Amino acid sequence: MGSIEIDTDGASRGGSKSCCGGLIRDSNDNWICGFVKLVRAAHSLLNYRRYSKGYNWLC
């Protein structure tokens, strides 16, 4: 049975705008899906939950 790998990353310039993104690959390193999200002023874990539901999936 194969496996999947999820790679994620994020970036911020220290202001109120940050972004995150990532990709999902199969066990042969084939691209399955990718995502990117602009996050504005996420200063708490409660805000993270609200923003995490709005990913722009590229599948």
PDB file of N, CA and C in Angstrom:
ATOM      1  N   MET A   1       0.842  -1.175   0.000  1.00  0.00           N
ATOM      2  CA  MET A   1       0.000   0.000   0.000  1.00  0.00           C
ATOM      3  C   MET A   1       0.889   1.240   0.000  1.00  0.00           C
ATOM      4  N   GLY A   2       0.563   2.221  -0.830  1.00  0.00           N
ATOM      5  CA  GLY A   2       1.335   3.456  -0.932  1.00  0.00           C
ATOM      6  C   GLY A   2       1.047   4.407   0.209  1.00  0.00           C
ATOM      7  N   SER A   3       1.752   5.479   0.199  1.00  0.00           N
ATOM      8  CA  SER A   3       1.561   6.506   1.223  1.00  0.00           C
ATOM      9  C   SER A   3       1.480   7.867   0.552  1.00  0.00           C
ATOM     10  N   ILE A   4       1.105   8.877   1.322  1.00  0.00           N
ATOM     11  CA  ILE A   4       1.104  10.245   0.822  1.00  0.00           C
ATOM     12  C   ILE A   4       2.002  11.086   1.717  1.00  0.00           C
ATOM     13  N   GLU A   5       2.510  12.162   1.161  1.00  0.00           N
ATOM     14  CA  GLU A   5       3.350  13.094   1.905  1.00  0.00           C
ATOM     15  C   GLU A   5       2.752  14.481   1.757  1.00  0.00           C
ATOM     16  N   ILE A   6       2.641  15.194   2.864  1.00  0.00           N
ATOM     17  CA  ILE A   6       2.123  16.554   2.858  1.00  0.00           C
ATOM     18  C   ILE A   6       3.258  17.490   3.257  1.00  0.00           C
ATOM     19  N   ASP A   7       3.619  18.404   2.365  1.00  0.00           N
ATOM     20  CA  ASP A   7       4.659  19.401   2.625  1.00  0.00           C
ATOM     21  C   ASP A   7       3.993  20.764   2.753  1.00  0.00           C
ATOM     22  N   THR A   8       4.327  21.510   3.798  1.00  0.00           N
ATOM     23  CA  THR A   8       3.743  22.834   4.011  1.00  0.00           C
ATOM     24  C   THR A   8       4.840  23.850   4.298  1.00  0.00           C
ATOM     25  N   ASP A   9       4.499  25.118   4.085  1.00  0.00           N
ATOM     26  CA  ASP A   9       5.434  26.203   4.363  1.00  0.00           C
ATOM     27  C   ASP A   9       4.632  27.483   4.553  1.00  0.00           C
ATOM     28  N   GLY A  10       5.228  28.468   5.146  1.00  0.00           N
ATOM     29  CA  GLY A  10       4.578  29.755   5.347  1.00  0.00           C
ATOM     30  C   GLY A  10       5.594  30.873   5.308  1.00  0.00           C
ATOM     31  N   ALA A  11       5.096  32.091   5.140  1.00  0.00           N
ATOM     32  CA  ALA A  11       5.993  33.247   5.077  1.00  0.00           C
ATOM     33  C   ALA A  11       5.282  34.482   5.602  1.00  0.00           C
ATOM     34  N   SER A  12       6.064  35.398   6.184  1.00  0.00           N
ATOM     35  CA  SER A  12       5.530  36.656   6.685  1.00  0.00           C
ATOM     36  C   SER A  12       6.630  37.699   6.626  1.00  0.00           C
ATOM     37  N   ARG A  13       6.231  38.940   6.373  1.00  0.00           N
ATOM     38  CA  ARG A  13       7.208  40.034   6.392  1.00  0.00           C
ATOM     39  C   ARG A  13       7.104  40.833   7.686  1.00  0.00           C
ATOM     40  N   GLY A  14       6.443  40.284   8.690  1.00  0.00           N
ATOM     41  CA  GLY A  14       6.353  40.944   9.973  1.00  0.00           C
ATOM     42  C   GLY A  14       5.161  41.867  10.116  1.00  0.00           C
ATOM     43  N   GLY A  15       4.405  42.075   9.077  1.00  0.00           N
ATOM     44  CA  GLY A  15       3.218  42.909   9.143  1.00  0.00           C
ATOM     45  C   GLY A  15       1.982  42.072   9.404  1.00  0.00           C
ATOM     46  N   SER A  16       0.861  42.565   8.938  1.00  0.00           N
ATOM     47  CA  SER A  16      -0.393  41.861   9.178  1.00  0.00           C
ATOM     48  C   SER A  16      -0.703  40.835   8.098  1.00  0.00           C
ATOM     49  N   LYS A  17       0.130  40.736   7.059  1.00  0.00           N
ATOM     50  CA  LYS A  17      -0.120  39.771   5.991  1.00  0.00           C
ATOM     51  C   LYS A  17       0.891  38.629   6.053  1.00  0.00           C
ATOM     52  N   SER A  18       0.376  37.435   5.962  1.00  0.00           N
ATOM     53  CA  SER A  18       1.192  36.233   5.901  1.00  0.00           C
ATOM     54  C   SER A  18       0.564  35.311   4.876  1.00  0.00           C
ATOM     55  N   CYS A  19       1.305  34.302   4.459  1.00  0.00           N
ATOM     56  CA  CYS A  19       0.723  33.329   3.542  1.00  0.00           C
ATOM     57  C   CYS A  19       1.236  31.944   3.913  1.00  0.00           C
ATOM     58  N   CYS A  20       0.493  30.953   3.481  1.00  0.00           N
ATOM     59  CA  CYS A  20       0.891  29.575   3.693  1.00  0.00           C
ATOM     60  C   CYS A  20       0.514  28.780   2.456  1.00  0.00           C
ATOM     61  N   GLY A  21       1.139  27.661   2.302  1.00  0.00           N
ATOM     62  CA  GLY A  21       0.850  26.818   1.152  1.00  0.00           C
ATOM     63  C   GLY A  21       1.487  25.463   1.324  1.00  0.00           C
ATOM     64  N   GLY A  22       1.222  24.606   0.378  1.00  0.00           N
ATOM     65  CA  GLY A  22       1.801  23.281   0.448  1.00  0.00           C
ATOM     66  C   GLY A  22       1.348  22.414  -0.699  1.00  0.00           C
ATOM     67  N   LEU A  23       1.770  21.157  -0.636  1.00  0.00           N
ATOM     68  CA  LEU A  23       1.387  20.207  -1.662  1.00  0.00           C
ATOM     69  C   LEU A  23       1.276  18.822  -1.064  1.00  0.00           C
ATOM     70  N   ILE A  24       0.554  17.971  -1.787  1.00  0.00           N
ATOM     71  CA  ILE A  24       0.379  16.577  -1.398  1.00  0.00           C
ATOM     72  C   ILE A  24       0.937  15.726  -2.529  1.00  0.00           C
ATOM     73  N   ARG A  25       1.814  14.766  -2.178  1.00  0.00           N
ATOM     74  CA  ARG A  25       2.424  13.874  -3.164  1.00  0.00           C
ATOM     75  C   ARG A  25       2.185  12.424  -2.772  1.00  0.00           C
ATOM     76  N   ASP A  26       2.187  11.538  -3.782  1.00  0.00           N
ATOM     77  CA  ASP A  26       2.049  10.114  -3.494  1.00  0.00           C
ATOM     78  C   ASP A  26       3.415   9.502  -3.194  1.00  0.00           C
ATOM     79  N   SER A  27       3.446   8.186  -2.984  1.00  0.00           N
ATOM     80  CA  SER A  27       4.689   7.514  -2.600  1.00  0.00           C
ATOM     81  C   SER A  27       5.729   7.499  -3.720  1.00  0.00           C
ATOM     82  N   ASN A  28       5.322   7.823  -4.961  1.00  0.00           N
ATOM     83  CA  ASN A  28       6.260   7.923  -6.084  1.00  0.00           C
ATOM     84  C   ASN A  28       6.648   9.368  -6.376  1.00  0.00           C
ATOM     85  N   ASP A  29       6.359  10.273  -5.452  1.00  0.00           N
ATOM     86  CA  ASP A  29       6.630  11.709  -5.577  1.00  0.00           C
ATOM     87  C   ASP A  29       5.839  12.389  -6.684  1.00  0.00           C
ATOM     88  N   ASN A  30       4.713  11.806  -7.097  1.00  0.00           N
ATOM     89  CA  ASN A  30       3.825  12.449  -8.072  1.00  0.00           C
ATOM     90  C   ASN A  30       2.933  13.450  -7.356  1.00  0.00           C
ATOM     91  N   TRP A  31       2.759  14.635  -7.959  1.00  0.00           N
ATOM     92  CA  TRP A  31       1.932  15.692  -7.399  1.00  0.00           C
ATOM     93  C   TRP A  31       0.472  15.266  -7.427  1.00  0.00           C
ATOM     94  N   ILE A  32      -0.224  15.386  -6.296  1.00  0.00           N
ATOM     95  CA  ILE A  32      -1.651  15.081  -6.214  1.00  0.00           C
ATOM     96  C   ILE A  32      -2.454  16.366  -6.131  1.00  0.00           C
ATOM     97  N   CYS A  33      -2.052  17.263  -5.245  1.00  0.00           N
ATOM     98  CA  CYS A  33      -2.834  18.464  -4.976  1.00  0.00           C
ATOM     99  C   CYS A  33      -1.926  19.520  -4.352  1.00  0.00           C
ATOM    100  N   GLY A  34      -2.270  20.787  -4.540  1.00  0.00           N
ATOM    101  CA  GLY A  34      -1.538  21.873  -3.918  1.00  0.00           C
ATOM    102  C   GLY A  34      -2.496  22.930  -3.405  1.00  0.00           C
ATOM    103  N   PHE A  35      -2.019  23.772  -2.499  1.00  0.00           N
ATOM    104  CA  PHE A  35      -2.872  24.834  -1.967  1.00  0.00           C
ATOM    105  C   PHE A  35      -2.038  26.052  -1.609  1.00  0.00           C
ATOM    106  N   VAL A  36      -2.715  27.201  -1.584  1.00  0.00           N
ATOM    107  CA  VAL A  36      -2.090  28.454  -1.179  1.00  0.00           C
ATOM    108  C   VAL A  36      -3.149  29.310  -0.499  1.00  0.00           C
ATOM    109  N   LYS A  37      -2.755  30.068   0.515  1.00  0.00           N
ATOM    110  CA  LYS A  37      -3.715  30.881   1.259  1.00  0.00           C
ATOM    111  C   LYS A  37      -3.035  32.138   1.781  1.00  0.00           C
ATOM    112  N   LEU A  38      -3.633  33.288   1.535  1.00  0.00           N
ATOM    113  CA  LEU A  38      -3.212  34.545   2.144  1.00  0.00           C
ATOM    114  C   LEU A  38      -3.913  34.649   3.491  1.00  0.00           C
ATOM    115  N   VAL A  39      -3.158  34.895   4.546  1.00  0.00           N
ATOM    116  CA  VAL A  39      -3.714  34.992   5.900  1.00  0.00           C
ATOM    117  C   VAL A  39      -3.520  36.423   6.371  1.00  0.00           C
ATOM    118  N   ARG A  40      -4.596  37.078   6.741  1.00  0.00           N
ATOM    119  CA  ARG A  40      -4.528  38.473   7.206  1.00  0.00           C
ATOM    120  C   ARG A  40      -4.754  38.531   8.717  1.00  0.00           C
ATOM    121  N   ALA A  41      -3.845  39.110   9.420  1.00  0.00           N
ATOM    122  CA  ALA A  41      -3.973  39.412  10.852  1.00  0.00           C
ATOM    123  C   ALA A  41      -4.457  38.227  11.671  1.00  0.00           C
ATOM    124  N   ALA A  42      -3.842  37.085  11.491  1.00  0.00           N
ATOM    125  CA  ALA A  42      -4.204  35.906  12.286  1.00  0.00           C
ATOM    126  C   ALA A  42      -3.343  35.894  13.546  1.00  0.00           C
ATOM    127  N   HIS A  43      -3.804  36.548  14.576  1.00  0.00           N
ATOM    128  CA  HIS A  43      -3.000  36.712  15.784  1.00  0.00           C
ATOM    129  C   HIS A  43      -3.282  35.681  16.867  1.00  0.00           C
ATOM    130  N   SER A  44      -4.186  34.741  16.609  1.00  0.00           N
ATOM    131  CA  SER A  44      -4.485  33.759  17.638  1.00  0.00           C
ATOM    132  C   SER A  44      -4.888  32.436  17.006  1.00  0.00           C
ATOM    133  N   LEU A  45      -4.897  31.397  17.807  1.00  0.00           N
ATOM    134  CA  LEU A  45      -5.336  30.094  17.310  1.00  0.00           C
ATOM    135  C   LEU A  45      -6.809  30.107  16.934  1.00  0.00           C
ATOM    136  N   LEU A  46      -7.610  30.947  17.575  1.00  0.00           N
ATOM    137  CA  LEU A  46      -9.024  31.041  17.212  1.00  0.00           C
ATOM    138  C   LEU A  46      -9.182  31.605  15.808  1.00  0.00           C
ATOM    139  N   ASN A  47      -8.395  32.608  15.461  1.00  0.00           N
ATOM    140  CA  ASN A  47      -8.436  33.135  14.104  1.00  0.00           C
ATOM    141  C   ASN A  47      -7.939  32.104  13.102  1.00  0.00           C
ATOM    142  N   TYR A  48      -6.955  31.283  13.484  1.00  0.00           N
ATOM    143  CA  TYR A  48      -6.438  30.262  12.580  1.00  0.00           C
ATOM    144  C   TYR A  48      -7.550  29.335  12.126  1.00  0.00           C
ATOM    145  N   ARG A  49      -8.407  28.931  13.043  1.00  0.00           N
ATOM    146  CA  ARG A  49      -9.499  28.018  12.680  1.00  0.00           C
ATOM    147  C   ARG A  49     -10.399  28.655  11.631  1.00  0.00           C
ATOM    148  N   ARG A  50     -10.679  29.927  11.772  1.00  0.00           N
ATOM    149  CA  ARG A  50     -11.529  30.623  10.807  1.00  0.00           C
ATOM    150  C   ARG A  50     -10.850  30.681   9.439  1.00  0.00           C
ATOM    151  N   TYR A  51      -9.553  30.998   9.402  1.00  0.00           N
ATOM    152  CA  TYR A  51      -8.836  31.115   8.128  1.00  0.00           C
ATOM    153  C   TYR A  51      -8.555  29.761   7.493  1.00  0.00           C
ATOM    154  N   SER A  52      -8.393  28.721   8.299  1.00  0.00           N
ATOM    155  CA  SER A  52      -7.998  27.419   7.764  1.00  0.00           C
ATOM    156  C   SER A  52      -9.076  26.794   6.891  1.00  0.00           C
ATOM    157  N   LYS A  53     -10.293  27.281   6.961  1.00  0.00           N
ATOM    158  CA  LYS A  53     -11.374  26.719   6.153  1.00  0.00           C
ATOM    159  C   LYS A  53     -11.429  27.325   4.760  1.00  0.00           C
ATOM    160  N   GLY A  54     -10.570  28.290   4.441  1.00  0.00           N
ATOM    161  CA  GLY A  54     -10.644  28.977   3.163  1.00  0.00           C
ATOM    162  C   GLY A  54      -9.490  28.703   2.217  1.00  0.00           C
ATOM    163  N   TYR A  55      -8.850  27.534   2.304  1.00  0.00           N
ATOM    164  CA  TYR A  55      -7.751  27.229   1.390  1.00  0.00           C
ATOM    165  C   TYR A  55      -8.233  27.206  -0.050  1.00  0.00           C
ATOM    166  N   ASN A  56      -7.391  27.648  -0.957  1.00  0.00           N
ATOM    167  CA  ASN A  56      -7.664  27.589  -2.390  1.00  0.00           C
ATOM    168  C   ASN A  56      -6.988  26.342  -2.944  1.00  0.00           C
ATOM    169  N   TRP A  57      -7.712  25.246  -3.005  1.00  0.00           N
ATOM    170  CA  TRP A  57      -7.149  23.978  -3.471  1.00  0.00           C
ATOM    171  C   TRP A  57      -6.960  24.002  -4.972  1.00  0.00           C
ATOM    172  N   LEU A  58      -5.898  23.401  -5.462  1.00  0.00           N
ATOM    173  CA  LEU A  58      -5.570  23.362  -6.882  1.00  0.00           C
ATOM    174  C   LEU A  58      -5.761  21.959  -7.450  1.00  0.00           C
ATOM    175  N   CYS A  59      -6.671  21.185  -6.904  1.00  0.00           N
ATOM    176  CA  CYS A  59      -6.903  19.814  -7.373  1.00  0.00           C
ATOM    177  C   CYS A  59      -7.971  19.809  -8.455  1.00  0.00           C
TER     178      CYS A  59
END
